[in-house]
Amino acid sequence: SPSHLSRLFRSATGRTLGQRLKELRLEQAAALLLESTLPITSIPLEVGFSSFSHFTQALKRRLGVSPSHYRRRGGSPRLGI
């Protein structure tokens, strides 16, 4: 069942499925910021964020920078990419 899978996942990884999904979306978005010429405003929707503002807040919480700053400075080792 979904709830059983969720409990097993959290037990094995220490995080929820939702937290892991957000991490994967951030990693994919960060890669697109660095490796593509897509407009910054279209990247969040490409990777599954509900809005640009939600993506911006998540990236700032994780890295302390905006998407445009991340792209300009060429990435960050803290994201693990």
N, C-alpha and C. Protein backbone atom coordinates (compact mmCIF):
# COMPACT_ATOMS: atom_id res chain seq x y z
N SER A 1 0.84 -1.18 0.00
CA SER A 1 0.00 0.00 0.00
C SER A 1 0.89 1.25 0.00
N PRO A 2 0.36 2.38 -0.44
CA PRO A 2 1.15 3.61 -0.45
C PRO A 2 1.68 4.01 0.93
N SER A 3 0.88 3.82 1.95
CA SER A 3 1.35 4.22 3.29
C SER A 3 2.47 3.29 3.77
N HIS A 4 2.39 2.03 3.45
CA HIS A 4 3.44 1.09 3.83
C HIS A 4 4.74 1.43 3.09
N LEU A 5 4.64 1.70 1.80
CA LEU A 5 5.82 2.10 1.03
C LEU A 5 6.44 3.36 1.62
N SER A 6 5.60 4.31 1.98
CA SER A 6 6.10 5.56 2.55
C SER A 6 6.86 5.30 3.85
N ARG A 7 6.33 4.45 4.71
CA ARG A 7 7.00 4.12 5.98
C ARG A 7 8.32 3.41 5.72
N LEU A 8 8.33 2.46 4.79
CA LEU A 8 9.56 1.75 4.46
C LEU A 8 10.62 2.70 3.90
N PHE A 9 10.20 3.59 3.03
CA PHE A 9 11.13 4.55 2.43
C PHE A 9 11.73 5.44 3.49
N ARG A 10 10.90 5.96 4.36
CA ARG A 10 11.41 6.85 5.42
C ARG A 10 12.34 6.09 6.37
N SER A 11 12.00 4.87 6.67
CA SER A 11 12.84 4.06 7.54
C SER A 11 14.21 3.81 6.91
N ALA A 12 14.23 3.57 5.61
CA ALA A 12 15.48 3.26 4.92
C ALA A 12 16.33 4.49 4.62
N THR A 13 15.70 5.64 4.38
CA THR A 13 16.44 6.81 3.93
C THR A 13 16.50 7.95 4.93
N GLY A 14 15.58 7.96 5.88
CA GLY A 14 15.53 9.06 6.83
C GLY A 14 14.78 10.27 6.32
N ARG A 15 14.20 10.18 5.13
CA ARG A 15 13.39 11.28 4.59
C ARG A 15 12.12 10.73 3.96
N THR A 16 11.19 11.61 3.74
CA THR A 16 9.93 11.19 3.14
C THR A 16 10.07 11.13 1.62
N LEU A 17 9.11 10.47 0.99
CA LEU A 17 9.09 10.42 -0.46
C LEU A 17 8.98 11.83 -1.05
N GLY A 18 8.17 12.67 -0.42
CA GLY A 18 8.02 14.04 -0.89
C GLY A 18 9.32 14.84 -0.82
N GLN A 19 10.06 14.66 0.26
CA GLN A 19 11.35 15.34 0.39
C GLN A 19 12.32 14.88 -0.69
N ARG A 20 12.35 13.58 -0.94
CA ARG A 20 13.25 13.05 -1.97
C ARG A 20 12.85 13.53 -3.34
N LEU A 21 11.55 13.57 -3.61
CA LEU A 21 11.08 14.06 -4.90
C LEU A 21 11.49 15.52 -5.11
N LYS A 22 11.38 16.34 -4.07
CA LYS A 22 11.79 17.74 -4.19
C LYS A 22 13.29 17.83 -4.46
N GLU A 23 14.09 17.00 -3.79
CA GLU A 23 15.53 16.98 -4.03
C GLU A 23 15.84 16.64 -5.48
N LEU A 24 15.17 15.63 -6.01
CA LEU A 24 15.39 15.24 -7.40
C LEU A 24 15.00 16.36 -8.36
N ARG A 25 13.89 17.03 -8.08
CA ARG A 25 13.46 18.15 -8.92
C ARG A 25 14.48 19.28 -8.87
N LEU A 26 14.98 19.58 -7.68
CA LEU A 26 16.00 20.64 -7.55
C LEU A 26 17.27 20.27 -8.31
N GLU A 27 17.69 19.02 -8.20
CA GLU A 27 18.90 18.59 -8.92
C GLU A 27 18.72 18.71 -10.42
N GLN A 28 17.56 18.28 -10.92
CA GLN A 28 17.29 18.37 -12.36
C GLN A 28 17.21 19.83 -12.81
N ALA A 29 16.55 20.66 -12.02
CA ALA A 29 16.44 22.08 -12.36
C ALA A 29 17.81 22.75 -12.36
N ALA A 30 18.64 22.42 -11.38
CA ALA A 30 19.98 22.99 -11.32
C ALA A 30 20.79 22.60 -12.55
N ALA A 31 20.66 21.35 -12.96
CA ALA A 31 21.37 20.91 -14.16
C ALA A 31 20.88 21.68 -15.39
N LEU A 32 19.58 21.89 -15.48
CA LEU A 32 19.05 22.65 -16.62
C LEU A 32 19.49 24.11 -16.58
N LEU A 33 19.59 24.67 -15.40
CA LEU A 33 20.07 26.06 -15.29
C LEU A 33 21.47 26.19 -15.85
N LEU A 34 22.30 25.18 -15.62
CA LEU A 34 23.70 25.25 -16.05
C LEU A 34 23.92 24.76 -17.48
N GLU A 35 23.14 23.78 -17.92
CA GLU A 35 23.43 23.10 -19.18
C GLU A 35 22.51 23.46 -20.32
N SER A 36 21.49 24.25 -20.06
CA SER A 36 20.55 24.58 -21.13
C SER A 36 20.44 26.09 -21.32
N THR A 37 19.79 26.45 -22.39
CA THR A 37 19.51 27.86 -22.64
C THR A 37 18.04 28.16 -22.42
N LEU A 38 17.33 27.23 -21.78
CA LEU A 38 15.92 27.46 -21.47
C LEU A 38 15.78 28.70 -20.61
N PRO A 39 14.73 29.46 -20.81
CA PRO A 39 14.49 30.59 -19.91
C PRO A 39 14.32 30.09 -18.47
N ILE A 40 14.85 30.83 -17.54
CA ILE A 40 14.80 30.44 -16.14
C ILE A 40 13.36 30.22 -15.69
N THR A 41 12.44 30.99 -16.21
CA THR A 41 11.05 30.87 -15.76
C THR A 41 10.37 29.60 -16.26
N SER A 42 10.90 28.95 -17.28
CA SER A 42 10.25 27.73 -17.76
C SER A 42 10.83 26.46 -17.13
N ILE A 43 11.99 26.55 -16.52
CA ILE A 43 12.65 25.36 -15.95
C ILE A 43 11.83 24.71 -14.83
N PRO A 44 11.27 25.46 -13.91
CA PRO A 44 10.51 24.79 -12.83
C PRO A 44 9.37 23.92 -13.35
N LEU A 45 8.67 24.38 -14.35
CA LEU A 45 7.56 23.59 -14.89
C LEU A 45 8.07 22.35 -15.62
N GLU A 46 9.25 22.45 -16.21
CA GLU A 46 9.85 21.30 -16.90
C GLU A 46 10.15 20.15 -15.94
N VAL A 47 10.49 20.47 -14.71
CA VAL A 47 10.90 19.43 -13.76
C VAL A 47 9.83 19.10 -12.72
N GLY A 48 8.67 19.75 -12.79
CA GLY A 48 7.56 19.37 -11.94
C GLY A 48 7.23 20.26 -10.76
N PHE A 49 7.87 21.43 -10.66
CA PHE A 49 7.45 22.37 -9.62
C PHE A 49 6.13 23.00 -10.03
N SER A 50 5.32 23.33 -9.05
CA SER A 50 4.00 23.88 -9.35
C SER A 50 4.06 25.33 -9.83
N SER A 51 5.12 26.04 -9.46
CA SER A 51 5.23 27.44 -9.88
C SER A 51 6.68 27.90 -9.81
N PHE A 52 6.95 28.99 -10.48
CA PHE A 52 8.29 29.57 -10.44
C PHE A 52 8.63 30.04 -9.04
N SER A 53 7.66 30.63 -8.34
CA SER A 53 7.95 31.14 -6.99
C SER A 53 8.24 29.99 -6.02
N HIS A 54 7.55 28.89 -6.15
CA HIS A 54 7.82 27.72 -5.29
C HIS A 54 9.24 27.21 -5.55
N PHE A 55 9.63 27.13 -6.79
CA PHE A 55 10.98 26.70 -7.16
C PHE A 55 12.03 27.67 -6.60
N THR A 56 11.81 28.96 -6.77
CA THR A 56 12.75 29.97 -6.29
C THR A 56 12.94 29.85 -4.78
N GLN A 57 11.84 29.69 -4.06
CA GLN A 57 11.93 29.55 -2.59
C GLN A 57 12.71 28.29 -2.22
N ALA A 58 12.45 27.19 -2.91
CA ALA A 58 13.13 25.92 -2.59
C ALA A 58 14.63 26.04 -2.88
N LEU A 59 14.99 26.66 -3.99
CA LEU A 59 16.40 26.81 -4.34
C LEU A 59 17.11 27.74 -3.35
N LYS A 60 16.45 28.82 -2.99
CA LYS A 60 17.05 29.74 -2.01
C LYS A 60 17.22 29.07 -0.66
N ARG A 61 16.25 28.26 -0.24
CA ARG A 61 16.38 27.54 1.04
C ARG A 61 17.55 26.56 0.98
N ARG A 62 17.71 25.90 -0.14
CA ARG A 62 18.74 24.87 -0.27
C ARG A 62 20.12 25.46 -0.48
N LEU A 63 20.22 26.50 -1.32
CA LEU A 63 21.54 27.03 -1.70
C LEU A 63 21.80 28.46 -1.27
N GLY A 64 20.75 29.17 -0.91
CA GLY A 64 20.92 30.55 -0.50
C GLY A 64 21.06 31.54 -1.64
N VAL A 65 20.72 31.10 -2.87
CA VAL A 65 20.81 31.99 -4.03
C VAL A 65 19.59 31.82 -4.91
N SER A 66 19.34 32.84 -5.73
CA SER A 66 18.24 32.78 -6.69
C SER A 66 18.65 31.95 -7.90
N PRO A 67 17.67 31.51 -8.70
CA PRO A 67 18.02 30.75 -9.91
C PRO A 67 18.93 31.52 -10.87
N SER A 68 18.70 32.81 -11.03
CA SER A 68 19.54 33.58 -11.95
C SER A 68 20.97 33.70 -11.42
N HIS A 69 21.11 33.86 -10.12
CA HIS A 69 22.45 33.93 -9.52
C HIS A 69 23.15 32.58 -9.67
N TYR A 70 22.43 31.50 -9.44
CA TYR A 70 23.01 30.16 -9.59
C TYR A 70 23.52 29.95 -11.01
N ARG A 71 22.72 30.37 -11.99
CA ARG A 71 23.13 30.22 -13.39
C ARG A 71 24.35 31.08 -13.70
N ARG A 72 24.35 32.32 -13.22
CA ARG A 72 25.46 33.23 -13.50
C ARG A 72 26.78 32.75 -12.90
N ARG A 73 26.72 32.22 -11.70
CA ARG A 73 27.98 31.83 -11.06
C ARG A 73 28.42 30.41 -11.44
N GLY A 74 27.61 29.72 -12.23
CA GLY A 74 28.01 28.43 -12.75
C GLY A 74 27.84 27.26 -11.81
N GLY A 75 26.91 27.37 -10.88
CA GLY A 75 26.60 26.23 -10.02
C GLY A 75 27.12 26.37 -8.62
N SER A 76 26.97 25.28 -7.88
CA SER A 76 27.36 25.24 -6.48
C SER A 76 27.69 23.81 -6.10
N PRO A 77 28.80 23.59 -5.42
CA PRO A 77 29.12 22.24 -4.99
C PRO A 77 28.17 21.69 -3.93
N ARG A 78 27.44 22.57 -3.23
CA ARG A 78 26.55 22.11 -2.17
C ARG A 78 25.36 21.32 -2.69
N LEU A 79 25.01 21.50 -3.95
CA LEU A 79 23.87 20.76 -4.49
C LEU A 79 24.27 19.35 -4.89
N GLY A 80 25.55 19.12 -5.05
CA GLY A 80 26.00 17.78 -5.35
C GLY A 80 25.97 17.41 -6.81
N ILE A 81 25.99 18.40 -7.68
CA ILE A 81 26.02 18.09 -9.12
C ILE A 81 27.37 18.47 -9.68
